[in-house]
Amino acid sequence: MRKVIQTQNAPEAIGTYSQAISTGNLTFISGQIPLDPSTMDIIEGDFKDRARCVFNNIKGIAEESGANLNNIVKITIYLTDLANFASVNEVMLEYFDSPFPARAAIQVSALPKDVDIEADAIVAHDNL
């Protein structure tokens, strides 16, 4: 059984996907880019501001699913420039407690709306 997760605290889907899908004790959060949920515009600022927006969007979806960021067991971060890797680590420290989720960081040639960061996540709910 699949349950669609939808919140106003993250951008609406801009394609043929859901913000997240829950099944069993897992929630799969779709890739989030630095879109302001209220305007659907790319946020202004530096790379860290955009990374914070991505994590805030993931947080909003995780909370709508009944969890929080510390329930994330796996996160994948897509960057158009791996030179931003250290900045991602700094921003993640603002959002996650130890033990940190498993993670992959991948450099890609392009992302939707020409942004420089996107992330998706898997949430494990406490009721295992």
N, C-alpha and C. Protein backbone atom coordinates (compact mmCIF):
# COMPACT_ATOMS: atom_id res chain seq x y z
N MET A 1 0.84 -1.18 0.00
CA MET A 1 0.00 0.00 0.00
C MET A 1 0.88 1.24 0.00
N ARG A 2 0.62 2.15 -0.92
CA ARG A 2 1.37 3.39 -1.02
C ARG A 2 0.51 4.56 -0.56
N LYS A 3 1.15 5.48 0.15
CA LYS A 3 0.47 6.68 0.61
C LYS A 3 1.24 7.89 0.07
N VAL A 4 0.53 8.81 -0.56
CA VAL A 4 1.14 10.03 -1.08
C VAL A 4 1.32 11.02 0.07
N ILE A 5 2.50 11.60 0.15
CA ILE A 5 2.79 12.65 1.13
C ILE A 5 2.83 13.97 0.37
N GLN A 6 2.05 14.93 0.83
CA GLN A 6 1.94 16.24 0.18
C GLN A 6 1.89 17.31 1.26
N THR A 7 2.70 18.35 1.12
CA THR A 7 2.72 19.44 2.09
C THR A 7 2.90 20.78 1.39
N GLN A 8 2.40 21.81 2.02
CA GLN A 8 2.62 23.18 1.55
C GLN A 8 4.01 23.68 1.96
N ASN A 9 4.70 22.92 2.83
CA ASN A 9 6.02 23.31 3.34
C ASN A 9 7.16 22.87 2.44
N ALA A 10 6.83 22.48 1.24
CA ALA A 10 7.83 22.13 0.22
C ALA A 10 7.21 22.47 -1.13
N PRO A 11 8.04 22.65 -2.14
CA PRO A 11 7.50 23.00 -3.46
C PRO A 11 6.59 21.91 -4.02
N GLU A 12 5.58 22.34 -4.76
CA GLU A 12 4.74 21.39 -5.48
C GLU A 12 5.61 20.66 -6.49
N ALA A 13 5.22 19.45 -6.82
CA ALA A 13 5.94 18.71 -7.85
C ALA A 13 5.85 19.47 -9.17
N ILE A 14 6.97 19.52 -9.89
CA ILE A 14 6.98 20.24 -11.17
C ILE A 14 7.06 19.23 -12.33
N GLY A 15 6.60 18.03 -12.08
CA GLY A 15 6.61 16.99 -13.10
C GLY A 15 5.70 15.86 -12.68
N THR A 16 5.91 14.73 -13.28
CA THR A 16 5.07 13.55 -13.02
C THR A 16 5.65 12.74 -11.87
N TYR A 17 5.59 13.31 -10.68
CA TYR A 17 6.06 12.64 -9.47
C TYR A 17 5.34 13.24 -8.27
N SER A 18 5.45 12.56 -7.14
CA SER A 18 4.89 13.03 -5.87
C SER A 18 6.03 13.60 -5.03
N GLN A 19 5.70 14.50 -4.10
CA GLN A 19 6.73 14.99 -3.18
C GLN A 19 7.37 13.82 -2.45
N ALA A 20 6.53 12.87 -2.03
CA ALA A 20 7.04 11.67 -1.37
C ALA A 20 5.98 10.59 -1.41
N ILE A 21 6.45 9.36 -1.25
CA ILE A 21 5.57 8.21 -1.15
C ILE A 21 5.99 7.40 0.06
N SER A 22 5.03 7.05 0.90
CA SER A 22 5.29 6.17 2.04
C SER A 22 4.75 4.79 1.74
N THR A 23 5.50 3.80 2.15
CA THR A 23 5.06 2.42 2.07
C THR A 23 5.71 1.68 3.23
N GLY A 24 4.91 0.92 3.96
CA GLY A 24 5.44 0.26 5.15
C GLY A 24 5.98 1.29 6.11
N ASN A 25 7.21 1.07 6.58
CA ASN A 25 7.81 2.02 7.52
C ASN A 25 8.79 2.97 6.85
N LEU A 26 8.73 3.08 5.52
CA LEU A 26 9.65 3.95 4.79
C LEU A 26 8.91 5.04 4.03
N THR A 27 9.54 6.19 3.95
CA THR A 27 9.06 7.28 3.09
C THR A 27 10.20 7.65 2.15
N PHE A 28 9.88 7.72 0.87
CA PHE A 28 10.85 8.07 -0.16
C PHE A 28 10.56 9.49 -0.62
N ILE A 29 11.46 10.40 -0.30
CA ILE A 29 11.30 11.81 -0.64
C ILE A 29 11.94 12.08 -1.99
N SER A 30 11.16 12.65 -2.91
CA SER A 30 11.67 12.99 -4.23
C SER A 30 12.72 14.08 -4.15
N GLY A 31 13.50 14.20 -5.21
CA GLY A 31 14.54 15.21 -5.28
C GLY A 31 13.97 16.60 -5.04
N GLN A 32 14.65 17.33 -4.17
CA GLN A 32 14.26 18.70 -3.84
C GLN A 32 15.34 19.65 -4.31
N ILE A 33 14.92 20.70 -4.97
CA ILE A 33 15.84 21.75 -5.40
C ILE A 33 15.52 23.02 -4.60
N PRO A 34 16.34 24.05 -4.68
CA PRO A 34 16.12 25.24 -3.86
C PRO A 34 14.99 26.14 -4.35
N LEU A 35 13.80 25.59 -4.35
CA LEU A 35 12.60 26.36 -4.70
C LEU A 35 11.91 26.82 -3.42
N ASP A 36 11.51 28.06 -3.40
CA ASP A 36 10.69 28.59 -2.31
C ASP A 36 9.29 28.03 -2.49
N PRO A 37 8.77 27.29 -1.51
CA PRO A 37 7.44 26.69 -1.67
C PRO A 37 6.31 27.70 -1.88
N SER A 38 6.47 28.90 -1.36
CA SER A 38 5.39 29.89 -1.47
C SER A 38 5.36 30.59 -2.83
N THR A 39 6.51 30.68 -3.49
CA THR A 39 6.57 31.38 -4.77
C THR A 39 6.93 30.47 -5.95
N MET A 40 7.47 29.29 -5.64
CA MET A 40 7.97 28.35 -6.65
C MET A 40 9.11 28.95 -7.48
N ASP A 41 9.81 29.93 -6.88
CA ASP A 41 10.99 30.54 -7.51
C ASP A 41 12.25 30.00 -6.85
N ILE A 42 13.33 29.95 -7.60
CA ILE A 42 14.63 29.59 -7.03
C ILE A 42 14.99 30.69 -6.04
N ILE A 43 15.43 30.28 -4.85
CA ILE A 43 15.76 31.29 -3.85
C ILE A 43 17.04 32.02 -4.24
N GLU A 44 17.15 33.24 -3.78
CA GLU A 44 18.35 34.02 -4.02
C GLU A 44 19.34 33.78 -2.89
N GLY A 45 20.58 34.12 -3.13
CA GLY A 45 21.60 33.96 -2.11
C GLY A 45 22.75 33.13 -2.62
N ASP A 46 23.60 32.72 -1.67
CA ASP A 46 24.78 31.94 -2.04
C ASP A 46 24.47 30.44 -2.00
N PHE A 47 25.48 29.64 -2.27
CA PHE A 47 25.28 28.19 -2.31
C PHE A 47 24.72 27.66 -1.00
N LYS A 48 25.23 28.12 0.14
CA LYS A 48 24.73 27.62 1.43
C LYS A 48 23.26 27.97 1.62
N ASP A 49 22.82 29.13 1.16
CA ASP A 49 21.40 29.49 1.24
C ASP A 49 20.56 28.51 0.43
N ARG A 50 21.05 28.15 -0.76
CA ARG A 50 20.32 27.20 -1.60
C ARG A 50 20.31 25.81 -0.96
N ALA A 51 21.41 25.41 -0.37
CA ALA A 51 21.46 24.11 0.32
C ALA A 51 20.49 24.10 1.49
N ARG A 52 20.44 25.19 2.26
CA ARG A 52 19.49 25.26 3.38
C ARG A 52 18.05 25.13 2.88
N CYS A 53 17.75 25.77 1.76
CA CYS A 53 16.41 25.67 1.20
C CYS A 53 16.08 24.22 0.85
N VAL A 54 17.02 23.51 0.25
CA VAL A 54 16.81 22.10 -0.09
C VAL A 54 16.51 21.30 1.18
N PHE A 55 17.32 21.50 2.23
CA PHE A 55 17.10 20.74 3.47
C PHE A 55 15.81 21.16 4.18
N ASN A 56 15.45 22.44 4.07
CA ASN A 56 14.16 22.87 4.64
C ASN A 56 13.00 22.19 3.91
N ASN A 57 13.10 22.06 2.59
CA ASN A 57 12.05 21.39 1.82
C ASN A 57 11.96 19.91 2.22
N ILE A 58 13.11 19.26 2.35
CA ILE A 58 13.12 17.86 2.78
C ILE A 58 12.53 17.75 4.19
N LYS A 59 12.89 18.68 5.05
CA LYS A 59 12.36 18.68 6.42
C LYS A 59 10.84 18.79 6.42
N GLY A 60 10.31 19.69 5.61
CA GLY A 60 8.85 19.86 5.55
C GLY A 60 8.15 18.58 5.12
N ILE A 61 8.72 17.88 4.16
CA ILE A 61 8.11 16.63 3.69
C ILE A 61 8.26 15.54 4.74
N ALA A 62 9.45 15.43 5.35
CA ALA A 62 9.65 14.43 6.39
C ALA A 62 8.66 14.64 7.54
N GLU A 63 8.47 15.89 7.95
CA GLU A 63 7.52 16.17 9.04
C GLU A 63 6.10 15.84 8.64
N GLU A 64 5.73 16.11 7.40
CA GLU A 64 4.39 15.77 6.94
C GLU A 64 4.17 14.25 6.98
N SER A 65 5.24 13.49 6.81
CA SER A 65 5.13 12.03 6.86
C SER A 65 5.08 11.50 8.28
N GLY A 66 5.25 12.40 9.27
CA GLY A 66 5.22 11.98 10.67
C GLY A 66 6.60 11.72 11.25
N ALA A 67 7.64 12.17 10.56
CA ALA A 67 9.01 11.94 11.00
C ALA A 67 9.74 13.27 11.14
N ASN A 68 11.05 13.20 11.25
CA ASN A 68 11.88 14.40 11.24
C ASN A 68 13.18 14.08 10.53
N LEU A 69 14.07 15.05 10.42
CA LEU A 69 15.30 14.84 9.66
C LEU A 69 16.17 13.72 10.24
N ASN A 70 16.10 13.52 11.55
CA ASN A 70 16.93 12.48 12.16
C ASN A 70 16.39 11.08 11.88
N ASN A 71 15.21 10.97 11.25
CA ASN A 71 14.69 9.68 10.81
C ASN A 71 15.21 9.33 9.41
N ILE A 72 15.92 10.25 8.77
CA ILE A 72 16.45 9.96 7.43
C ILE A 72 17.60 8.97 7.58
N VAL A 73 17.51 7.88 6.82
CA VAL A 73 18.56 6.87 6.85
C VAL A 73 19.48 6.96 5.65
N LYS A 74 19.03 7.60 4.58
CA LYS A 74 19.86 7.72 3.37
C LYS A 74 19.50 9.01 2.67
N ILE A 75 20.52 9.75 2.29
CA ILE A 75 20.30 10.98 1.52
C ILE A 75 21.29 10.97 0.35
N THR A 76 20.82 11.39 -0.79
CA THR A 76 21.68 11.52 -1.96
C THR A 76 21.67 12.98 -2.37
N ILE A 77 22.86 13.52 -2.54
CA ILE A 77 23.01 14.92 -2.90
C ILE A 77 23.65 15.00 -4.27
N TYR A 78 23.03 15.77 -5.13
CA TYR A 78 23.50 15.97 -6.50
C TYR A 78 24.02 17.39 -6.61
N LEU A 79 25.26 17.54 -7.04
CA LEU A 79 25.90 18.84 -7.16
C LEU A 79 26.42 19.03 -8.58
N THR A 80 26.31 20.24 -9.08
CA THR A 80 26.91 20.51 -10.39
C THR A 80 28.39 20.85 -10.25
N ASP A 81 28.85 21.03 -9.01
CA ASP A 81 30.26 21.31 -8.76
C ASP A 81 30.66 20.72 -7.41
N LEU A 82 31.50 19.68 -7.43
CA LEU A 82 31.93 19.05 -6.17
C LEU A 82 32.76 19.98 -5.30
N ALA A 83 33.14 21.13 -5.81
CA ALA A 83 33.83 22.12 -4.99
C ALA A 83 32.92 22.60 -3.85
N ASN A 84 31.61 22.39 -3.99
CA ASN A 84 30.66 22.77 -2.94
C ASN A 84 30.47 21.69 -1.87
N PHE A 85 31.23 20.59 -1.97
CA PHE A 85 31.10 19.47 -1.04
C PHE A 85 31.30 19.90 0.41
N ALA A 86 32.33 20.69 0.70
CA ALA A 86 32.60 21.14 2.07
C ALA A 86 31.45 22.01 2.59
N SER A 87 30.87 22.82 1.74
CA SER A 87 29.73 23.65 2.14
C SER A 87 28.52 22.78 2.49
N VAL A 88 28.31 21.72 1.73
CA VAL A 88 27.22 20.79 2.04
C VAL A 88 27.42 20.21 3.44
N ASN A 89 28.65 19.80 3.74
CA ASN A 89 28.93 19.25 5.07
C ASN A 89 28.62 20.26 6.17
N GLU A 90 29.00 21.51 5.97
CA GLU A 90 28.73 22.56 6.96
C GLU A 90 27.24 22.75 7.16
N VAL A 91 26.48 22.80 6.08
CA VAL A 91 25.04 23.00 6.18
C VAL A 91 24.37 21.79 6.82
N MET A 92 24.81 20.59 6.46
CA MET A 92 24.21 19.39 7.06
C MET A 92 24.35 19.39 8.57
N LEU A 93 25.45 19.92 9.09
CA LEU A 93 25.64 19.99 10.54
C LEU A 93 24.57 20.84 11.22
N GLU A 94 23.98 21.77 10.47
CA GLU A 94 22.91 22.62 11.02
C GLU A 94 21.59 21.85 11.11
N TYR A 95 21.44 20.77 10.36
CA TYR A 95 20.16 20.08 10.23
C TYR A 95 20.12 18.68 10.84
N PHE A 96 21.26 18.01 10.90
CA PHE A 96 21.27 16.61 11.31
C PHE A 96 22.10 16.42 12.57
N ASP A 97 21.65 15.48 13.41
CA ASP A 97 22.41 15.07 14.58
C ASP A 97 23.13 13.77 14.27
N SER A 98 24.19 13.50 15.02
CA SER A 98 24.89 12.24 14.89
C SER A 98 24.06 11.14 15.56
N PRO A 99 23.99 9.96 15.03
CA PRO A 99 24.67 9.47 13.84
C PRO A 99 23.99 10.01 12.59
N PHE A 100 24.80 10.44 11.64
CA PHE A 100 24.31 11.03 10.42
C PHE A 100 23.78 9.96 9.48
N PRO A 101 22.90 10.34 8.56
CA PRO A 101 22.40 9.34 7.60
C PRO A 101 23.50 8.88 6.66
N ALA A 102 23.30 7.71 6.08
CA ALA A 102 24.16 7.30 4.97
C ALA A 102 23.98 8.33 3.87
N ARG A 103 25.04 8.54 3.07
CA ARG A 103 24.96 9.61 2.08
C ARG A 103 25.82 9.31 0.87
N ALA A 104 25.37 9.80 -0.25
CA ALA A 104 26.19 9.86 -1.45
C ALA A 104 26.12 11.28 -1.96
N ALA A 105 27.24 11.77 -2.46
CA ALA A 105 27.28 13.09 -3.09
C ALA A 105 27.86 12.88 -4.48
N ILE A 106 27.12 13.30 -5.47
CA ILE A 106 27.45 13.01 -6.85
C ILE A 106 27.51 14.30 -7.65
N GLN A 107 28.55 14.45 -8.46
CA GLN A 107 28.59 15.60 -9.37
C GLN A 107 27.87 15.21 -10.66
N VAL A 108 26.98 16.08 -11.09
CA VAL A 108 26.21 15.87 -12.31
C VAL A 108 26.43 17.06 -13.24
N SER A 109 26.09 16.88 -14.50
CA SER A 109 26.34 17.96 -15.46
C SER A 109 25.26 19.04 -15.41
N ALA A 110 24.05 18.68 -15.01
CA ALA A 110 22.97 19.67 -14.96
C ALA A 110 21.86 19.16 -14.04
N LEU A 111 21.08 20.10 -13.51
CA LEU A 111 19.93 19.79 -12.66
C LEU A 111 18.74 20.61 -13.13
N PRO A 112 17.53 20.23 -12.72
CA PRO A 112 16.34 20.98 -13.13
C PRO A 112 16.46 22.47 -12.79
N LYS A 113 15.92 23.28 -13.67
CA LYS A 113 15.90 24.75 -13.50
C LYS A 113 17.30 25.33 -13.36
N ASP A 114 18.30 24.58 -13.82
CA ASP A 114 19.69 25.03 -13.83
C ASP A 114 20.22 25.35 -12.43
N VAL A 115 19.73 24.64 -11.39
CA VAL A 115 20.22 24.85 -10.03
C VAL A 115 21.53 24.09 -9.85
N ASP A 116 22.20 24.34 -8.72
CA ASP A 116 23.49 23.69 -8.47
C ASP A 116 23.43 22.62 -7.38
N ILE A 117 22.23 22.37 -6.81
CA ILE A 117 22.09 21.34 -5.78
C ILE A 117 20.68 20.76 -5.84
N GLU A 118 20.61 19.46 -5.61
CA GLU A 118 19.34 18.73 -5.45
C GLU A 118 19.63 17.60 -4.47
N ALA A 119 18.63 17.21 -3.70
CA ALA A 119 18.80 16.08 -2.78
C ALA A 119 17.49 15.32 -2.67
N ASP A 120 17.62 13.99 -2.52
CA ASP A 120 16.47 13.15 -2.20
C ASP A 120 16.81 12.35 -0.96
N ALA A 121 15.82 11.73 -0.35
CA ALA A 121 16.06 11.07 0.93
C ALA A 121 15.12 9.89 1.15
N ILE A 122 15.56 9.00 2.02
CA ILE A 122 14.74 7.88 2.48
C ILE A 122 14.60 8.02 3.99
N VAL A 123 13.36 8.00 4.45
CA VAL A 123 13.04 8.15 5.87
C VAL A 123 12.58 6.80 6.41
N ALA A 124 13.12 6.39 7.55
CA ALA A 124 12.64 5.20 8.25
C ALA A 124 11.87 5.65 9.48
N HIS A 125 10.60 5.28 9.56
CA HIS A 125 9.78 5.69 10.69
C HIS A 125 10.09 4.82 11.89
N ASP A 126 9.94 5.37 13.07
CA ASP A 126 10.32 4.69 14.31
C ASP A 126 9.56 3.40 14.59
N ASN A 127 8.40 3.27 14.00
CA ASN A 127 7.58 2.10 14.29
C ASN A 127 8.01 0.91 13.44
N LEU A 128 9.27 0.53 13.54
CA LEU A 128 9.82 -0.56 12.72
C LEU A 128 9.21 -1.89 13.10
